[in-house]
N, C-alpha and C. Protein backbone atom coordinates (compact mmCIF):
# COMPACT_ATOMS: atom_id res chain seq x y z
N MET A 1 0.84 -1.18 0.00
CA MET A 1 0.00 0.00 0.00
C MET A 1 0.88 1.24 0.00
N ARG A 2 0.49 2.23 -0.79
CA ARG A 2 1.26 3.49 -0.86
C ARG A 2 0.79 4.40 0.25
N THR A 3 1.73 5.13 0.81
CA THR A 3 1.39 6.04 1.90
C THR A 3 1.36 7.49 1.46
N ASP A 4 1.84 7.79 0.26
CA ASP A 4 1.85 9.18 -0.18
C ASP A 4 0.45 9.59 -0.64
N SER A 5 0.18 10.89 -0.54
CA SER A 5 -1.14 11.38 -0.91
C SER A 5 -1.06 12.18 -2.20
N GLY A 6 -2.18 12.67 -2.64
CA GLY A 6 -2.20 13.47 -3.85
C GLY A 6 -2.55 12.63 -5.05
N ASP A 7 -2.23 13.13 -6.22
CA ASP A 7 -2.58 12.43 -7.46
C ASP A 7 -1.34 11.84 -8.11
N ALA A 8 -0.55 11.15 -7.32
CA ALA A 8 0.71 10.60 -7.81
C ALA A 8 0.51 9.62 -8.96
N GLY A 9 -0.65 8.98 -9.01
CA GLY A 9 -0.89 8.01 -10.07
C GLY A 9 -1.55 8.59 -11.30
N ALA A 10 -1.87 9.88 -11.26
CA ALA A 10 -2.55 10.51 -12.39
C ALA A 10 -1.61 10.66 -13.57
N PRO A 11 -2.13 10.48 -14.77
CA PRO A 11 -1.28 10.66 -15.95
C PRO A 11 -0.87 12.12 -16.12
N VAL A 12 0.33 12.32 -16.59
CA VAL A 12 0.85 13.66 -16.81
C VAL A 12 1.15 13.79 -18.30
N ALA A 13 0.68 14.88 -18.90
CA ALA A 13 0.78 15.04 -20.35
C ALA A 13 2.20 14.90 -20.88
N HIS A 14 3.18 15.50 -20.22
CA HIS A 14 4.53 15.48 -20.78
C HIS A 14 5.26 14.17 -20.55
N THR A 15 4.70 13.27 -19.73
CA THR A 15 5.36 11.99 -19.54
C THR A 15 4.54 10.82 -20.06
N THR A 16 3.35 11.09 -20.56
CA THR A 16 2.51 10.02 -21.07
C THR A 16 3.07 9.50 -22.39
N PRO A 17 3.33 8.20 -22.48
CA PRO A 17 3.85 7.66 -23.74
C PRO A 17 2.79 7.71 -24.83
N VAL A 18 3.24 7.87 -26.05
CA VAL A 18 2.34 7.88 -27.20
C VAL A 18 2.48 6.53 -27.88
N ALA A 19 1.35 5.88 -28.12
CA ALA A 19 1.35 4.50 -28.63
C ALA A 19 2.14 4.34 -29.93
N ASP A 20 1.99 5.27 -30.85
CA ASP A 20 2.66 5.11 -32.14
C ASP A 20 4.04 5.76 -32.18
N GLY A 21 4.49 6.29 -31.04
CA GLY A 21 5.80 6.93 -31.01
C GLY A 21 5.79 8.31 -31.62
N GLY A 22 4.61 8.86 -31.85
CA GLY A 22 4.47 10.18 -32.46
C GLY A 22 4.77 11.29 -31.48
N PRO A 23 4.49 12.51 -31.88
CA PRO A 23 4.80 13.66 -31.02
C PRO A 23 3.95 13.66 -29.75
N THR A 24 4.53 14.17 -28.69
CA THR A 24 3.81 14.30 -27.43
C THR A 24 3.49 15.76 -27.21
N THR A 25 2.79 16.05 -26.13
CA THR A 25 2.39 17.42 -25.83
C THR A 25 3.60 18.35 -25.76
N GLU A 26 4.70 17.87 -25.17
CA GLU A 26 5.86 18.75 -25.02
C GLU A 26 6.56 19.04 -26.35
N ASP A 27 6.27 18.21 -27.37
CA ASP A 27 6.86 18.43 -28.69
C ASP A 27 6.12 19.47 -29.51
N THR A 28 4.91 19.83 -29.08
CA THR A 28 4.07 20.74 -29.85
C THR A 28 4.16 22.15 -29.29
N PRO A 29 4.69 23.08 -30.05
CA PRO A 29 4.76 24.45 -29.54
C PRO A 29 3.36 25.05 -29.45
N MET A 30 3.09 25.75 -28.37
CA MET A 30 1.77 26.33 -28.18
C MET A 30 1.65 27.69 -28.86
N ASN A 31 2.75 28.25 -29.27
CA ASN A 31 2.71 29.54 -29.95
C ASN A 31 3.03 29.33 -31.43
N LEU A 32 2.11 28.65 -32.11
CA LEU A 32 2.31 28.39 -33.53
C LEU A 32 2.41 29.71 -34.29
N TYR A 33 3.31 29.77 -35.24
CA TYR A 33 3.48 30.97 -36.04
C TYR A 33 2.23 31.12 -36.90
N ASP A 34 1.52 32.21 -36.73
CA ASP A 34 0.23 32.38 -37.39
C ASP A 34 0.36 33.30 -38.60
N SER A 35 1.11 32.86 -39.58
CA SER A 35 1.24 33.63 -40.81
C SER A 35 -0.04 33.45 -41.62
N PRO A 36 -0.31 34.34 -42.55
CA PRO A 36 -1.49 34.18 -43.41
C PRO A 36 -1.49 32.85 -44.15
N VAL A 37 -0.32 32.39 -44.56
CA VAL A 37 -0.23 31.12 -45.28
C VAL A 37 -0.61 29.97 -44.36
N GLU A 38 -0.09 29.97 -43.12
CA GLU A 38 -0.42 28.93 -42.15
C GLU A 38 -1.90 28.94 -41.82
N ARG A 39 -2.45 30.13 -41.60
CA ARG A 39 -3.87 30.26 -41.26
C ARG A 39 -4.73 29.72 -42.40
N ALA A 40 -4.38 30.06 -43.63
CA ALA A 40 -5.14 29.57 -44.79
C ALA A 40 -5.03 28.05 -44.91
N ARG A 41 -3.84 27.52 -44.65
CA ARG A 41 -3.65 26.06 -44.73
C ARG A 41 -4.49 25.35 -43.69
N ARG A 42 -4.48 25.86 -42.44
CA ARG A 42 -5.27 25.23 -41.38
C ARG A 42 -6.77 25.33 -41.68
N THR A 43 -7.20 26.46 -42.20
CA THR A 43 -8.61 26.64 -42.54
C THR A 43 -9.02 25.68 -43.64
N ARG A 44 -8.18 25.55 -44.65
CA ARG A 44 -8.47 24.63 -45.76
C ARG A 44 -8.53 23.19 -45.25
N GLU A 45 -7.60 22.81 -44.36
CA GLU A 45 -7.60 21.46 -43.81
C GLU A 45 -8.86 21.21 -42.99
N ARG A 46 -9.27 22.20 -42.21
CA ARG A 46 -10.49 22.06 -41.40
C ARG A 46 -11.71 21.92 -42.31
N ALA A 47 -11.78 22.69 -43.37
CA ALA A 47 -12.90 22.59 -44.30
C ALA A 47 -12.92 21.21 -44.96
N GLU A 48 -11.74 20.67 -45.29
CA GLU A 48 -11.67 19.33 -45.87
C GLU A 48 -12.15 18.28 -44.88
N GLU A 49 -11.77 18.44 -43.59
CA GLU A 49 -12.23 17.52 -42.55
C GLU A 49 -13.75 17.56 -42.44
N LEU A 50 -14.31 18.76 -42.47
CA LEU A 50 -15.77 18.89 -42.40
C LEU A 50 -16.43 18.24 -43.62
N GLY A 51 -15.83 18.39 -44.78
CA GLY A 51 -16.36 17.75 -45.98
C GLY A 51 -16.35 16.24 -45.88
N ARG A 52 -15.26 15.68 -45.33
CA ARG A 52 -15.20 14.23 -45.15
C ARG A 52 -16.23 13.77 -44.13
N ALA A 53 -16.42 14.56 -43.07
CA ALA A 53 -17.43 14.23 -42.06
C ALA A 53 -18.82 14.27 -42.69
N ALA A 54 -19.06 15.24 -43.56
CA ALA A 54 -20.35 15.33 -44.25
C ALA A 54 -20.57 14.10 -45.13
N ASP A 55 -19.52 13.63 -45.78
CA ASP A 55 -19.64 12.43 -46.62
C ASP A 55 -20.02 11.21 -45.79
N ARG A 56 -19.55 11.15 -44.54
CA ARG A 56 -19.84 10.01 -43.67
C ARG A 56 -21.19 10.13 -42.96
N ALA A 57 -21.71 11.35 -42.85
CA ALA A 57 -22.94 11.58 -42.09
C ALA A 57 -24.12 10.85 -42.73
N THR A 58 -24.96 10.27 -41.89
CA THR A 58 -26.12 9.54 -42.40
C THR A 58 -27.37 10.41 -42.40
N ASP A 59 -27.44 11.38 -41.51
CA ASP A 59 -28.60 12.27 -41.45
C ASP A 59 -28.45 13.38 -42.49
N PRO A 60 -29.40 13.51 -43.41
CA PRO A 60 -29.28 14.53 -44.47
C PRO A 60 -29.15 15.95 -43.93
N GLU A 61 -29.86 16.27 -42.85
CA GLU A 61 -29.76 17.62 -42.28
C GLU A 61 -28.38 17.89 -41.70
N HIS A 62 -27.83 16.89 -41.02
CA HIS A 62 -26.49 17.04 -40.45
C HIS A 62 -25.46 17.18 -41.56
N ARG A 63 -25.61 16.37 -42.60
CA ARG A 63 -24.71 16.44 -43.75
C ARG A 63 -24.72 17.85 -44.35
N GLN A 64 -25.92 18.42 -44.50
CA GLN A 64 -26.05 19.75 -45.08
C GLN A 64 -25.40 20.80 -44.19
N ARG A 65 -25.60 20.70 -42.86
CA ARG A 65 -24.99 21.67 -41.93
C ARG A 65 -23.47 21.61 -42.00
N LEU A 66 -22.91 20.41 -42.07
CA LEU A 66 -21.46 20.27 -42.16
C LEU A 66 -20.92 20.88 -43.45
N ARG A 67 -21.61 20.65 -44.55
CA ARG A 67 -21.18 21.22 -45.84
C ARG A 67 -21.26 22.75 -45.81
N GLU A 68 -22.33 23.28 -45.22
CA GLU A 68 -22.47 24.74 -45.11
C GLU A 68 -21.36 25.34 -44.26
N LYS A 69 -21.02 24.65 -43.17
CA LYS A 69 -19.95 25.14 -42.30
C LYS A 69 -18.62 25.15 -43.04
N ALA A 70 -18.34 24.10 -43.81
CA ALA A 70 -17.10 24.03 -44.58
C ALA A 70 -17.04 25.17 -45.60
N LEU A 71 -18.14 25.40 -46.30
CA LEU A 71 -18.16 26.49 -47.29
C LEU A 71 -18.01 27.85 -46.62
N ARG A 72 -18.64 28.03 -45.47
CA ARG A 72 -18.53 29.30 -44.75
C ARG A 72 -17.08 29.54 -44.30
N LEU A 73 -16.42 28.50 -43.84
CA LEU A 73 -15.01 28.62 -43.45
C LEU A 73 -14.16 29.10 -44.62
N LEU A 74 -14.37 28.50 -45.77
CA LEU A 74 -13.58 28.86 -46.95
C LEU A 74 -13.88 30.27 -47.43
N ARG A 75 -15.12 30.70 -47.31
CA ARG A 75 -15.49 32.06 -47.74
C ARG A 75 -14.94 33.12 -46.79
N GLU A 76 -14.93 32.83 -45.47
CA GLU A 76 -14.52 33.82 -44.48
C GLU A 76 -13.02 34.03 -44.43
N ASP A 77 -12.23 33.06 -44.84
CA ASP A 77 -10.78 33.18 -44.76
C ASP A 77 -10.18 33.06 -46.15
N PRO A 78 -10.06 34.18 -46.86
CA PRO A 78 -9.55 34.11 -48.23
C PRO A 78 -8.10 33.64 -48.27
N ALA A 79 -7.70 33.17 -49.42
CA ALA A 79 -6.33 32.71 -49.62
C ALA A 79 -5.36 33.86 -49.37
N PRO A 80 -4.16 33.56 -48.85
CA PRO A 80 -3.21 34.63 -48.50
C PRO A 80 -2.79 35.48 -49.68
N ASP A 81 -2.75 34.92 -50.88
CA ASP A 81 -2.29 35.71 -52.02
C ASP A 81 -3.38 36.66 -52.53
N SER A 82 -4.63 36.50 -52.07
CA SER A 82 -5.69 37.40 -52.52
C SER A 82 -5.87 38.59 -51.58
N ARG A 83 -5.13 38.61 -50.48
CA ARG A 83 -5.22 39.72 -49.53
C ARG A 83 -4.39 40.89 -50.02
N PRO A 84 -4.87 42.11 -49.77
CA PRO A 84 -4.07 43.28 -50.16
C PRO A 84 -2.78 43.36 -49.37
N SER A 85 -1.72 43.82 -49.99
CA SER A 85 -0.44 43.90 -49.28
C SER A 85 -0.06 45.32 -48.96
């Protein structure tokens, strides 16, 4: 029996092993460089994820909402080269 108190057995993000050997929390910088190109890339990736989710959705209304959200994301964040300099 352990005599220490607290949450000694609780998992800790920076020491938790990753099953596939991929990056851990400590490997990911929290201050990502937010250039227009990076922002556009992340927005495009998110819209693609929403499109794939819409393809998998079985409810027609949910599918439509996901597609609308993806289109709205793409309309609200124009490509970096179309922004005035």
